[in-house]
Full PDB file with SEQRES, HELIX, SHEET, SSBOND, CRYST1, ORIGX, SCALE, CONECT and MASTER records, all heavy atoms in Angstrom:
SEQRES   1 A   41  ARG VAL GLY HIS TRP THR ASP GLU VAL GLY LEU THR GLY          
SEQRES   2 A   41  CYS THR VAL VAL LEU CYS PRO PRO GLY THR VAL GLY SER          
SEQRES   3 A   41  GLY GLU ILE ARG GLY GLY ALA PRO GLY THR ARG GLU THR          
SEQRES   4 A   41  ASP LEU                                                      
SHEET    1 AA1 2 VAL A   2  ASP A   7  0                                        
SHEET    2 AA1 2 THR A  12  VAL A  17 -1                                        
CRYST1    1.000    1.000    1.000  90.00  90.00  90.00 P 1           1          
ORIGX1      1.000000  0.000000  0.000000        0.00000                         
ORIGX2      0.000000  1.000000  0.000000        0.00000                         
ORIGX3      0.000000  0.000000  1.000000        0.00000                         
SCALE1      1.000000  0.000000  0.000000        0.00000                         
SCALE2      0.000000  1.000000  0.000000        0.00000                         
SCALE3      0.000000  0.000000  1.000000        0.00000                         
ATOM      1  N   ARG A   1     -44.805 -54.058 -15.193  1.00  0.00           N  
ATOM      2  CA  ARG A   1     -44.059 -54.881 -14.247  1.00  0.00           C  
ATOM      3  C   ARG A   1     -42.598 -54.448 -14.228  1.00  0.00           C  
ATOM      4  O   ARG A   1     -42.064 -54.006 -15.245  1.00  0.00           O  
ATOM      5  CB  ARG A   1     -44.157 -56.361 -14.627  1.00  0.00           C  
ATOM      6  CG  ARG A   1     -45.555 -56.951 -14.474  1.00  0.00           C  
ATOM      7  CD  ARG A   1     -45.579 -58.412 -14.908  1.00  0.00           C  
ATOM      8  NE  ARG A   1     -45.434 -58.533 -16.349  1.00  0.00           N  
ATOM      9  CZ  ARG A   1     -44.985 -59.635 -16.958  1.00  0.00           C  
ATOM     10  NH1 ARG A   1     -44.619 -60.695 -16.244  1.00  0.00           N  
ATOM     11  NH2 ARG A   1     -44.904 -59.683 -18.275  1.00  0.00           N  
ATOM     12  N   VAL A   2     -41.965 -54.594 -13.082  1.00  0.00           N  
ATOM     13  CA  VAL A   2     -40.570 -54.162 -12.909  1.00  0.00           C  
ATOM     14  C   VAL A   2     -39.773 -55.293 -12.278  1.00  0.00           C  
ATOM     15  O   VAL A   2     -40.235 -55.952 -11.334  1.00  0.00           O  
ATOM     16  CB  VAL A   2     -40.487 -52.910 -12.013  1.00  0.00           C  
ATOM     17  CG1 VAL A   2     -39.019 -52.564 -11.695  1.00  0.00           C  
ATOM     18  CG2 VAL A   2     -41.165 -51.732 -12.694  1.00  0.00           C  
ATOM     19  N   GLY A   3     -38.562 -55.508 -12.803  1.00  0.00           N  
ATOM     20  CA  GLY A   3     -37.672 -56.519 -12.236  1.00  0.00           C  
ATOM     21  C   GLY A   3     -36.250 -56.012 -12.144  1.00  0.00           C  
ATOM     22  O   GLY A   3     -35.805 -55.237 -12.995  1.00  0.00           O  
ATOM     23  N   HIS A   4     -35.535 -56.439 -11.090  1.00  0.00           N  
ATOM     24  CA  HIS A   4     -34.133 -56.062 -10.894  1.00  0.00           C  
ATOM     25  C   HIS A   4     -33.226 -57.279 -11.013  1.00  0.00           C  
ATOM     26  O   HIS A   4     -33.612 -58.403 -10.655  1.00  0.00           O  
ATOM     27  CB  HIS A   4     -33.905 -55.488  -9.488  1.00  0.00           C  
ATOM     28  CG  HIS A   4     -34.673 -54.239  -9.185  1.00  0.00           C  
ATOM     29  ND1 HIS A   4     -34.561 -53.085  -9.914  1.00  0.00           N  
ATOM     30  CD2 HIS A   4     -35.544 -53.965  -8.175  1.00  0.00           C  
ATOM     31  CE1 HIS A   4     -35.334 -52.152  -9.379  1.00  0.00           C  
ATOM     32  NE2 HIS A   4     -35.939 -52.665  -8.329  1.00  0.00           N  
ATOM     33  N   TRP A   5     -32.011 -57.044 -11.449  1.00  0.00           N  
ATOM     34  CA  TRP A   5     -30.901 -57.982 -11.268  1.00  0.00           C  
ATOM     35  C   TRP A   5     -29.790 -57.204 -10.593  1.00  0.00           C  
ATOM     36  O   TRP A   5     -29.423 -56.119 -11.044  1.00  0.00           O  
ATOM     37  CB  TRP A   5     -30.410 -58.532 -12.606  1.00  0.00           C  
ATOM     38  CG  TRP A   5     -29.192 -59.407 -12.445  1.00  0.00           C  
ATOM     39  CD1 TRP A   5     -29.163 -60.739 -12.146  1.00  0.00           C  
ATOM     40  CD2 TRP A   5     -27.821 -59.004 -12.573  1.00  0.00           C  
ATOM     41  NE1 TRP A   5     -27.863 -61.186 -12.076  1.00  0.00           N  
ATOM     42  CE2 TRP A   5     -27.012 -60.141 -12.331  1.00  0.00           C  
ATOM     43  CE3 TRP A   5     -27.200 -57.790 -12.866  1.00  0.00           C  
ATOM     44  CZ2 TRP A   5     -25.624 -60.099 -12.373  1.00  0.00           C  
ATOM     45  CZ3 TRP A   5     -25.812 -57.733 -12.903  1.00  0.00           C  
ATOM     46  CH2 TRP A   5     -25.033 -58.874 -12.663  1.00  0.00           C  
ATOM     47  N   THR A   6     -29.269 -57.719  -9.488  1.00  0.00           N  
ATOM     48  CA  THR A   6     -28.312 -56.987  -8.674  1.00  0.00           C  
ATOM     49  C   THR A   6     -27.070 -57.816  -8.419  1.00  0.00           C  
ATOM     50  O   THR A   6     -27.162 -58.979  -8.004  1.00  0.00           O  
ATOM     51  CB  THR A   6     -28.946 -56.609  -7.319  1.00  0.00           C  
ATOM     52  OG1 THR A   6     -30.125 -55.823  -7.549  1.00  0.00           O  
ATOM     53  CG2 THR A   6     -27.986 -55.817  -6.461  1.00  0.00           C  
ATOM     54  N   ASP A   7     -25.917 -57.221  -8.664  1.00  0.00           N  
ATOM     55  CA  ASP A   7     -24.623 -57.814  -8.323  1.00  0.00           C  
ATOM     56  C   ASP A   7     -24.105 -57.080  -7.098  1.00  0.00           C  
ATOM     57  O   ASP A   7     -23.545 -55.990  -7.204  1.00  0.00           O  
ATOM     58  CB  ASP A   7     -23.654 -57.669  -9.500  1.00  0.00           C  
ATOM     59  CG  ASP A   7     -22.275 -58.268  -9.218  1.00  0.00           C  
ATOM     60  OD1 ASP A   7     -22.005 -58.661  -8.060  1.00  0.00           O  
ATOM     61  OD2 ASP A   7     -21.458 -58.321 -10.159  1.00  0.00           O  
ATOM     62  N   GLU A   8     -24.286 -57.663  -5.919  1.00  0.00           N  
ATOM     63  CA  GLU A   8     -23.909 -57.000  -4.676  1.00  0.00           C  
ATOM     64  C   GLU A   8     -22.410 -57.017  -4.433  1.00  0.00           C  
ATOM     65  O   GLU A   8     -21.912 -56.268  -3.588  1.00  0.00           O  
ATOM     66  CB  GLU A   8     -24.639 -57.660  -3.501  1.00  0.00           C  
ATOM     67  CG  GLU A   8     -26.155 -57.484  -3.556  1.00  0.00           C  
ATOM     68  CD  GLU A   8     -26.853 -58.126  -2.387  1.00  0.00           C  
ATOM     69  OE1 GLU A   8     -26.194 -58.909  -1.665  1.00  0.00           O  
ATOM     70  OE2 GLU A   8     -28.058 -57.859  -2.196  1.00  0.00           O  
ATOM     71  N   VAL A   9     -21.676 -57.844  -5.152  1.00  0.00           N  
ATOM     72  CA  VAL A   9     -20.219 -57.896  -5.019  1.00  0.00           C  
ATOM     73  C   VAL A   9     -19.561 -56.907  -5.979  1.00  0.00           C  
ATOM     74  O   VAL A   9     -18.746 -56.080  -5.586  1.00  0.00           O  
ATOM     75  CB  VAL A   9     -19.700 -59.324  -5.271  1.00  0.00           C  
ATOM     76  CG1 VAL A   9     -18.164 -59.352  -5.218  1.00  0.00           C  
ATOM     77  CG2 VAL A   9     -20.285 -60.287  -4.247  1.00  0.00           C  
ATOM     78  N   GLY A  10     -19.921 -56.983  -7.254  1.00  0.00           N  
ATOM     79  CA  GLY A  10     -19.372 -56.061  -8.248  1.00  0.00           C  
ATOM     80  C   GLY A  10     -19.972 -54.676  -8.195  1.00  0.00           C  
ATOM     81  O   GLY A  10     -19.468 -53.748  -8.809  1.00  0.00           O  
ATOM     82  N   LEU A  11     -21.086 -54.534  -7.449  1.00  0.00           N  
ATOM     83  CA  LEU A  11     -21.798 -53.265  -7.287  1.00  0.00           C  
ATOM     84  C   LEU A  11     -22.260 -52.698  -8.624  1.00  0.00           C  
ATOM     85  O   LEU A  11     -21.899 -51.589  -9.044  1.00  0.00           O  
ATOM     86  CB  LEU A  11     -20.941 -52.249  -6.527  1.00  0.00           C  
ATOM     87  CG  LEU A  11     -20.614 -52.640  -5.081  1.00  0.00           C  
ATOM     88  CD1 LEU A  11     -19.760 -51.572  -4.421  1.00  0.00           C  
ATOM     89  CD2 LEU A  11     -21.883 -52.882  -4.275  1.00  0.00           C  
ATOM     90  N   THR A  12     -23.065 -53.474  -9.298  1.00  0.00           N  
ATOM     91  CA  THR A  12     -23.707 -53.042 -10.533  1.00  0.00           C  
ATOM     92  C   THR A  12     -25.018 -53.808 -10.658  1.00  0.00           C  
ATOM     93  O   THR A  12     -25.352 -54.640  -9.823  1.00  0.00           O  
ATOM     94  CB  THR A  12     -22.794 -53.268 -11.754  1.00  0.00           C  
ATOM     95  OG1 THR A  12     -23.359 -52.627 -12.909  1.00  0.00           O  
ATOM     96  CG2 THR A  12     -22.596 -54.747 -12.040  1.00  0.00           C  
ATOM     97  N   GLY A  13     -25.778 -53.513 -11.687  1.00  0.00           N  
ATOM     98  CA  GLY A  13     -27.041 -54.214 -11.869  1.00  0.00           C  
ATOM     99  C   GLY A  13     -27.852 -53.618 -12.988  1.00  0.00           C  
ATOM    100  O   GLY A  13     -27.419 -52.665 -13.676  1.00  0.00           O  
ATOM    101  N   CYS A  14     -29.042 -54.153 -13.203  1.00  0.00           N  
ATOM    102  CA  CYS A  14     -29.934 -53.622 -14.227  1.00  0.00           C  
ATOM    103  C   CYS A  14     -31.374 -53.769 -13.761  1.00  0.00           C  
ATOM    104  O   CYS A  14     -31.691 -54.571 -12.882  1.00  0.00           O  
ATOM    105  CB  CYS A  14     -29.721 -54.304 -15.579  1.00  0.00           C  
ATOM    106  SG  CYS A  14     -30.080 -56.079 -15.623  1.00  0.00           S  
ATOM    107  N   THR A  15     -32.242 -52.978 -14.375  1.00  0.00           N  
ATOM    108  CA  THR A  15     -33.662 -52.942 -14.037  1.00  0.00           C  
ATOM    109  C   THR A  15     -34.466 -52.906 -15.323  1.00  0.00           C  
ATOM    110  O   THR A  15     -34.158 -52.110 -16.226  1.00  0.00           O  
ATOM    111  CB  THR A  15     -33.980 -51.700 -13.187  1.00  0.00           C  
ATOM    112  OG1 THR A  15     -33.235 -51.758 -11.962  1.00  0.00           O  
ATOM    113  CG2 THR A  15     -35.460 -51.614 -12.872  1.00  0.00           C  
ATOM    114  N   VAL A  16     -35.478 -53.740 -15.415  1.00  0.00           N  
ATOM    115  CA  VAL A  16     -36.308 -53.783 -16.609  1.00  0.00           C  
ATOM    116  C   VAL A  16     -37.737 -53.384 -16.271  1.00  0.00           C  
ATOM    117  O   VAL A  16     -38.247 -53.707 -15.196  1.00  0.00           O  
ATOM    118  CB  VAL A  16     -36.280 -55.188 -17.259  1.00  0.00           C  
ATOM    119  CG1 VAL A  16     -36.944 -56.227 -16.368  1.00  0.00           C  
ATOM    120  CG2 VAL A  16     -36.920 -55.166 -18.634  1.00  0.00           C  
ATOM    121  N   VAL A  17     -38.347 -52.646 -17.179  1.00  0.00           N  
ATOM    122  CA  VAL A  17     -39.768 -52.313 -17.105  1.00  0.00           C  
ATOM    123  C   VAL A  17     -40.454 -53.040 -18.259  1.00  0.00           C  
ATOM    124  O   VAL A  17     -40.162 -52.758 -19.425  1.00  0.00           O  
ATOM    125  CB  VAL A  17     -40.008 -50.794 -17.210  1.00  0.00           C  
ATOM    126  CG1 VAL A  17     -41.507 -50.484 -17.171  1.00  0.00           C  
ATOM    127  CG2 VAL A  17     -39.274 -50.052 -16.112  1.00  0.00           C  
ATOM    128  N   LEU A  18     -41.328 -53.980 -17.937  1.00  0.00           N  
ATOM    129  CA  LEU A  18     -42.062 -54.720 -18.959  1.00  0.00           C  
ATOM    130  C   LEU A  18     -43.420 -54.060 -19.176  1.00  0.00           C  
ATOM    131  O   LEU A  18     -44.118 -53.725 -18.218  1.00  0.00           O  
ATOM    132  CB  LEU A  18     -42.261 -56.172 -18.516  1.00  0.00           C  
ATOM    133  CG  LEU A  18     -40.978 -56.986 -18.307  1.00  0.00           C  
ATOM    134  CD1 LEU A  18     -41.333 -58.395 -17.838  1.00  0.00           C  
ATOM    135  CD2 LEU A  18     -40.150 -57.039 -19.586  1.00  0.00           C  
ATOM    136  N   CYS A  19     -43.772 -53.887 -20.443  1.00  0.00           N  
ATOM    137  CA  CYS A  19     -44.977 -53.126 -20.806  1.00  0.00           C  
ATOM    138  C   CYS A  19     -46.114 -54.060 -21.209  1.00  0.00           C  
ATOM    139  O   CYS A  19     -45.877 -55.099 -21.831  1.00  0.00           O  
ATOM    140  CB  CYS A  19     -44.669 -52.200 -21.988  1.00  0.00           C  
ATOM    141  SG  CYS A  19     -43.224 -51.146 -21.749  1.00  0.00           S  
ATOM    142  N   PRO A  20     -47.356 -53.675 -20.904  1.00  0.00           N  
ATOM    143  CA  PRO A  20     -48.496 -54.455 -21.400  1.00  0.00           C  
ATOM    144  C   PRO A  20     -48.648 -54.262 -22.905  1.00  0.00           C  
ATOM    145  O   PRO A  20     -48.115 -53.292 -23.474  1.00  0.00           O  
ATOM    146  CB  PRO A  20     -49.674 -53.867 -20.631  1.00  0.00           C  
ATOM    147  CG  PRO A  20     -49.257 -52.480 -20.292  1.00  0.00           C  
ATOM    148  CD  PRO A  20     -47.771 -52.536 -20.080  1.00  0.00           C  
ATOM    149  N   PRO A  21     -49.370 -55.157 -23.583  1.00  0.00           N  
ATOM    150  CA  PRO A  21     -49.558 -55.036 -25.036  1.00  0.00           C  
ATOM    151  C   PRO A  21     -50.163 -53.685 -25.417  1.00  0.00           C  
ATOM    152  O   PRO A  21     -51.023 -53.151 -24.719  1.00  0.00           O  
ATOM    153  CB  PRO A  21     -50.523 -56.185 -25.353  1.00  0.00           C  
ATOM    154  CG  PRO A  21     -50.302 -57.175 -24.260  1.00  0.00           C  
ATOM    155  CD  PRO A  21     -50.011 -56.363 -23.032  1.00  0.00           C  
ATOM    156  N   GLY A  22     -49.690 -53.145 -26.525  1.00  0.00           N  
ATOM    157  CA  GLY A  22     -50.225 -51.901 -27.050  1.00  0.00           C  
ATOM    158  C   GLY A  22     -49.648 -50.640 -26.438  1.00  0.00           C  
ATOM    159  O   GLY A  22     -50.128 -49.536 -26.733  1.00  0.00           O  
ATOM    160  N   THR A  23     -48.616 -50.763 -25.616  1.00  0.00           N  
ATOM    161  CA  THR A  23     -48.023 -49.580 -24.984  1.00  0.00           C  
ATOM    162  C   THR A  23     -47.287 -48.723 -26.007  1.00  0.00           C  
ATOM    163  O   THR A  23     -46.424 -49.209 -26.740  1.00  0.00           O  
ATOM    164  CB  THR A  23     -47.040 -49.995 -23.868  1.00  0.00           C  
ATOM    165  OG1 THR A  23     -47.760 -50.694 -22.856  1.00  0.00           O  
ATOM    166  CG2 THR A  23     -46.362 -48.787 -23.256  1.00  0.00           C  
ATOM    167  N   VAL A  24     -47.647 -47.446 -26.047  1.00  0.00           N  
ATOM    168  CA  VAL A  24     -46.990 -46.481 -26.932  1.00  0.00           C  
ATOM    169  C   VAL A  24     -45.825 -45.851 -26.174  1.00  0.00           C  
ATOM    170  O   VAL A  24     -45.938 -45.559 -24.977  1.00  0.00           O  
ATOM    171  CB  VAL A  24     -47.985 -45.394 -27.394  1.00  0.00           C  
ATOM    172  CG1 VAL A  24     -47.279 -44.331 -28.236  1.00  0.00           C  
ATOM    173  CG2 VAL A  24     -49.124 -46.036 -28.169  1.00  0.00           C  
ATOM    174  N   GLY A  25     -44.695 -45.630 -26.855  1.00  0.00           N  
ATOM    175  CA  GLY A  25     -43.531 -45.093 -26.156  1.00  0.00           C  
ATOM    176  C   GLY A  25     -42.804 -44.021 -26.935  1.00  0.00           C  
ATOM    177  O   GLY A  25     -42.828 -43.971 -28.168  1.00  0.00           O  
ATOM    178  N   SER A  26     -42.166 -43.123 -26.196  1.00  0.00           N  
ATOM    179  CA  SER A  26     -41.291 -42.117 -26.779  1.00  0.00           C  
ATOM    180  C   SER A  26     -40.227 -41.777 -25.732  1.00  0.00           C  
ATOM    181  O   SER A  26     -40.157 -42.421 -24.672  1.00  0.00           O  
ATOM    182  CB  SER A  26     -42.071 -40.869 -27.196  1.00  0.00           C  
ATOM    183  OG  SER A  26     -41.242 -39.980 -27.931  1.00  0.00           O  
ATOM    184  N   GLY A  27     -39.408 -40.778 -26.020  1.00  0.00           N  
ATOM    185  CA  GLY A  27     -38.366 -40.427 -25.069  1.00  0.00           C  
ATOM    186  C   GLY A  27     -37.585 -39.215 -25.507  1.00  0.00           C  
ATOM    187  O   GLY A  27     -37.732 -38.716 -26.626  1.00  0.00           O  
ATOM    188  N   GLU A  28     -36.741 -38.734 -24.591  1.00  0.00           N  
ATOM    189  CA  GLU A  28     -35.928 -37.551 -24.838  1.00  0.00           C  
ATOM    190  C   GLU A  28     -34.584 -37.721 -24.130  1.00  0.00           C  
ATOM    191  O   GLU A  28     -34.534 -38.074 -22.947  1.00  0.00           O  
ATOM    192  CB  GLU A  28     -36.636 -36.295 -24.318  1.00  0.00           C  
ATOM    193  CG  GLU A  28     -35.830 -35.019 -24.385  1.00  0.00           C  
ATOM    194  CD  GLU A  28     -35.744 -34.419 -25.787  1.00  0.00           C  
ATOM    195  OE1 GLU A  28     -36.363 -34.997 -26.714  1.00  0.00           O  
ATOM    196  OE2 GLU A  28     -35.072 -33.387 -25.946  1.00  0.00           O  
ATOM    197  N   ILE A  29     -33.499 -37.460 -24.860  1.00  0.00           N  
ATOM    198  CA  ILE A  29     -32.148 -37.564 -24.322  1.00  0.00           C  
ATOM    199  C   ILE A  29     -31.548 -36.168 -24.247  1.00  0.00           C  
ATOM    200  O   ILE A  29     -31.579 -35.418 -25.226  1.00  0.00           O  
ATOM    201  CB  ILE A  29     -31.268 -38.452 -25.209  1.00  0.00           C  
ATOM    202  CG1 ILE A  29     -31.884 -39.849 -25.339  1.00  0.00           C  
ATOM    203  CG2 ILE A  29     -29.849 -38.544 -24.644  1.00  0.00           C  
ATOM    204  CD1 ILE A  29     -31.246 -40.690 -26.411  1.00  0.00           C  
ATOM    205  N   ARG A  30     -30.984 -35.835 -23.094  1.00  0.00           N  
ATOM    206  CA  ARG A  30     -30.350 -34.537 -22.907  1.00  0.00           C  
ATOM    207  C   ARG A  30     -29.050 -34.704 -22.132  1.00  0.00           C  
ATOM    208  O   ARG A  30     -28.852 -35.701 -21.448  1.00  0.00           O  
ATOM    209  CB  ARG A  30     -31.275 -33.578 -22.165  1.00  0.00           C  
ATOM    210  CG  ARG A  30     -32.518 -33.204 -22.938  1.00  0.00           C  
ATOM    211  CD  ARG A  30     -33.357 -32.196 -22.168  1.00  0.00           C  
ATOM    212  NE  ARG A  30     -34.553 -31.835 -22.913  1.00  0.00           N  
ATOM    213  CZ  ARG A  30     -35.484 -31.001 -22.451  1.00  0.00           C  
ATOM    214  NH1 ARG A  30     -35.342 -30.441 -21.252  1.00  0.00           N  
ATOM    215  NH2 ARG A  30     -36.542 -30.731 -23.178  1.00  0.00           N  
ATOM    216  N   GLY A  31     -28.194 -33.685 -22.211  1.00  0.00           N  
ATOM    217  CA  GLY A  31     -26.903 -33.765 -21.563  1.00  0.00           C  
ATOM    218  C   GLY A  31     -25.842 -34.236 -22.533  1.00  0.00           C  
ATOM    219  O   GLY A  31     -26.141 -34.724 -23.632  1.00  0.00           O  
ATOM    220  N   GLY A  32     -24.588 -34.111 -22.140  1.00  0.00           N  
ATOM    221  CA  GLY A  32     -23.485 -34.343 -23.064  1.00  0.00           C  
ATOM    222  C   GLY A  32     -22.900 -35.729 -23.063  1.00  0.00           C  
ATOM    223  O   GLY A  32     -21.982 -36.003 -23.835  1.00  0.00           O  
ATOM    224  N   ALA A  33     -23.407 -36.652 -22.199  1.00  0.00           N  
ATOM    225  CA  ALA A  33     -22.747 -37.956 -22.096  1.00  0.00           C  
ATOM    226  C   ALA A  33     -23.743 -39.105 -21.983  1.00  0.00           C  
ATOM    227  O   ALA A  33     -23.720 -39.865 -21.022  1.00  0.00           O  
ATOM    228  CB  ALA A  33     -21.812 -37.954 -20.895  1.00  0.00           C  
ATOM    229  N   PRO A  34     -24.633 -39.261 -22.974  1.00  0.00           N  
ATOM    230  CA  PRO A  34     -25.606 -40.355 -22.882  1.00  0.00           C  
ATOM    231  C   PRO A  34     -25.033 -41.678 -23.383  1.00  0.00           C  
ATOM    232  O   PRO A  34     -24.059 -41.710 -24.139  1.00  0.00           O  
ATOM    233  CB  PRO A  34     -26.734 -39.877 -23.813  1.00  0.00           C  
ATOM    234  CG  PRO A  34     -26.005 -39.101 -24.873  1.00  0.00           C  
ATOM    235  CD  PRO A  34     -24.855 -38.415 -24.155  1.00  0.00           C  
ATOM    236  N   GLY A  35     -25.666 -42.760 -22.956  1.00  0.00           N  
ATOM    237  CA  GLY A  35     -25.363 -44.083 -23.480  1.00  0.00           C  
ATOM    238  C   GLY A  35     -26.670 -44.813 -23.686  1.00  0.00           C  
ATOM    239  O   GLY A  35     -27.341 -45.167 -22.709  1.00  0.00           O  
ATOM    240  N   THR A  36     -27.064 -45.037 -24.932  1.00  0.00           N  
ATOM    241  CA  THR A  36     -28.407 -45.563 -25.204  1.00  0.00           C  
ATOM    242  C   THR A  36     -28.415 -46.576 -26.340  1.00  0.00           C  
ATOM    243  O   THR A  36     -27.451 -46.714 -27.097  1.00  0.00           O  
ATOM    244  CB  THR A  36     -29.376 -44.424 -25.576  1.00  0.00           C  
ATOM    245  OG1 THR A  36     -28.895 -43.781 -26.764  1.00  0.00           O  
ATOM    246  CG2 THR A  36     -29.479 -43.407 -24.456  1.00  0.00           C  
ATOM    247  N   ARG A  37     -29.550 -47.250 -26.451  1.00  0.00           N  
ATOM    248  CA  ARG A  37     -29.774 -48.226 -27.525  1.00  0.00           C  
ATOM    249  C   ARG A  37     -31.250 -48.152 -27.916  1.00  0.00           C  
ATOM    250  O   ARG A  37     -32.126 -48.048 -27.056  1.00  0.00           O  
ATOM    251  CB  ARG A  37     -29.404 -49.623 -27.012  1.00  0.00           C  
ATOM    252  CG  ARG A  37     -29.896 -50.786 -27.853  1.00  0.00           C  
ATOM    253  CD  ARG A  37     -29.328 -52.089 -27.317  1.00  0.00           C  
ATOM    254  NE  ARG A  37     -30.027 -53.251 -27.861  1.00  0.00           N  
ATOM    255  CZ  ARG A  37     -29.544 -54.483 -27.832  1.00  0.00           C  
ATOM    256  NH1 ARG A  37     -28.368 -54.715 -27.287  1.00  0.00           N  
ATOM    257  NH2 ARG A  37     -30.244 -55.483 -28.332  1.00  0.00           N  
ATOM    258  N   GLU A  38     -31.526 -48.203 -29.215  1.00  0.00           N  
ATOM    259  CA  GLU A  38     -32.892 -48.208 -29.742  1.00  0.00           C  
ATOM    260  C   GLU A  38     -33.697 -46.982 -29.311  1.00  0.00           C  
ATOM    261  O   GLU A  38     -34.909 -47.073 -29.109  1.00  0.00           O  
ATOM    262  CB  GLU A  38     -33.631 -49.489 -29.313  1.00  0.00           C  
ATOM    263  CG  GLU A  38     -33.079 -50.757 -29.937  1.00  0.00           C  
ATOM    264  CD  GLU A  38     -33.602 -51.016 -31.340  1.00  0.00           C  
ATOM    265  OE1 GLU A  38     -33.611 -50.064 -32.139  1.00  0.00           O  
ATOM    266  OE2 GLU A  38     -33.997 -52.148 -31.622  1.00  0.00           O  
ATOM    267  N   THR A  39     -33.038 -45.835 -29.171  1.00  0.00           N  
ATOM    268  CA  THR A  39     -33.776 -44.636 -28.779  1.00  0.00           C  
ATOM    269  C   THR A  39     -34.145 -43.762 -29.985  1.00  0.00           C  
ATOM    270  O   THR A  39     -35.074 -42.960 -29.879  1.00  0.00           O  
ATOM    271  CB  THR A  39     -32.968 -43.799 -27.776  1.00  0.00           C  
ATOM    272  OG1 THR A  39     -31.643 -43.610 -28.272  1.00  0.00           O  
ATOM    273  CG2 THR A  39     -32.903 -44.487 -26.425  1.00  0.00           C  
ATOM    274  N   ASP A  40     -33.468 -43.922 -31.108  1.00  0.00           N  
ATOM    275  CA  ASP A  40     -33.849 -43.150 -32.295  1.00  0.00           C  
ATOM    276  C   ASP A  40     -35.282 -43.463 -32.719  1.00  0.00           C  
ATOM    277  O   ASP A  40     -36.009 -42.582 -33.199  1.00  0.00           O  
ATOM    278  CB  ASP A  40     -32.897 -43.436 -33.460  1.00  0.00           C  
ATOM    279  CG  ASP A  40     -31.600 -42.655 -33.354  1.00  0.00           C  
ATOM    280  OD1 ASP A  40     -31.529 -41.750 -32.503  1.00  0.00           O  
ATOM    281  OD2 ASP A  40     -30.654 -42.950 -34.113  1.00  0.00           O  
ATOM    282  N   LEU A  41     -35.706 -44.708 -32.549  1.00  0.00           N  
ATOM    283  CA  LEU A  41     -37.055 -45.084 -32.984  1.00  0.00           C  
ATOM    284  C   LEU A  41     -38.146 -44.501 -32.093  1.00  0.00           C  
ATOM    285  O   LEU A  41     -39.326 -44.578 -32.421  1.00  0.00           O  
ATOM    286  CB  LEU A  41     -37.193 -46.606 -33.053  1.00  0.00           C  
ATOM    287  CG  LEU A  41     -36.920 -47.445 -31.805  1.00  0.00           C  
ATOM    288  CD1 LEU A  41     -38.049 -47.414 -30.806  1.00  0.00           C  
ATOM    289  CD2 LEU A  41     -36.637 -48.888 -32.208  1.00  0.00           C  
TER     290      LEU A  41                                                      
MASTER        0    0    0    0    2    0    0    6  289    1    0    4          
END                                                                             
């Protein structure tokens, strides 16, 4: 499932992806200017 929160005045927002039970996850960060949380795990 996917949900948005949008600030049309400040021109910013966020988007969440909700996972079903048992979803396995991984990831990869590249480039010189990332901003992340809980990605080491």
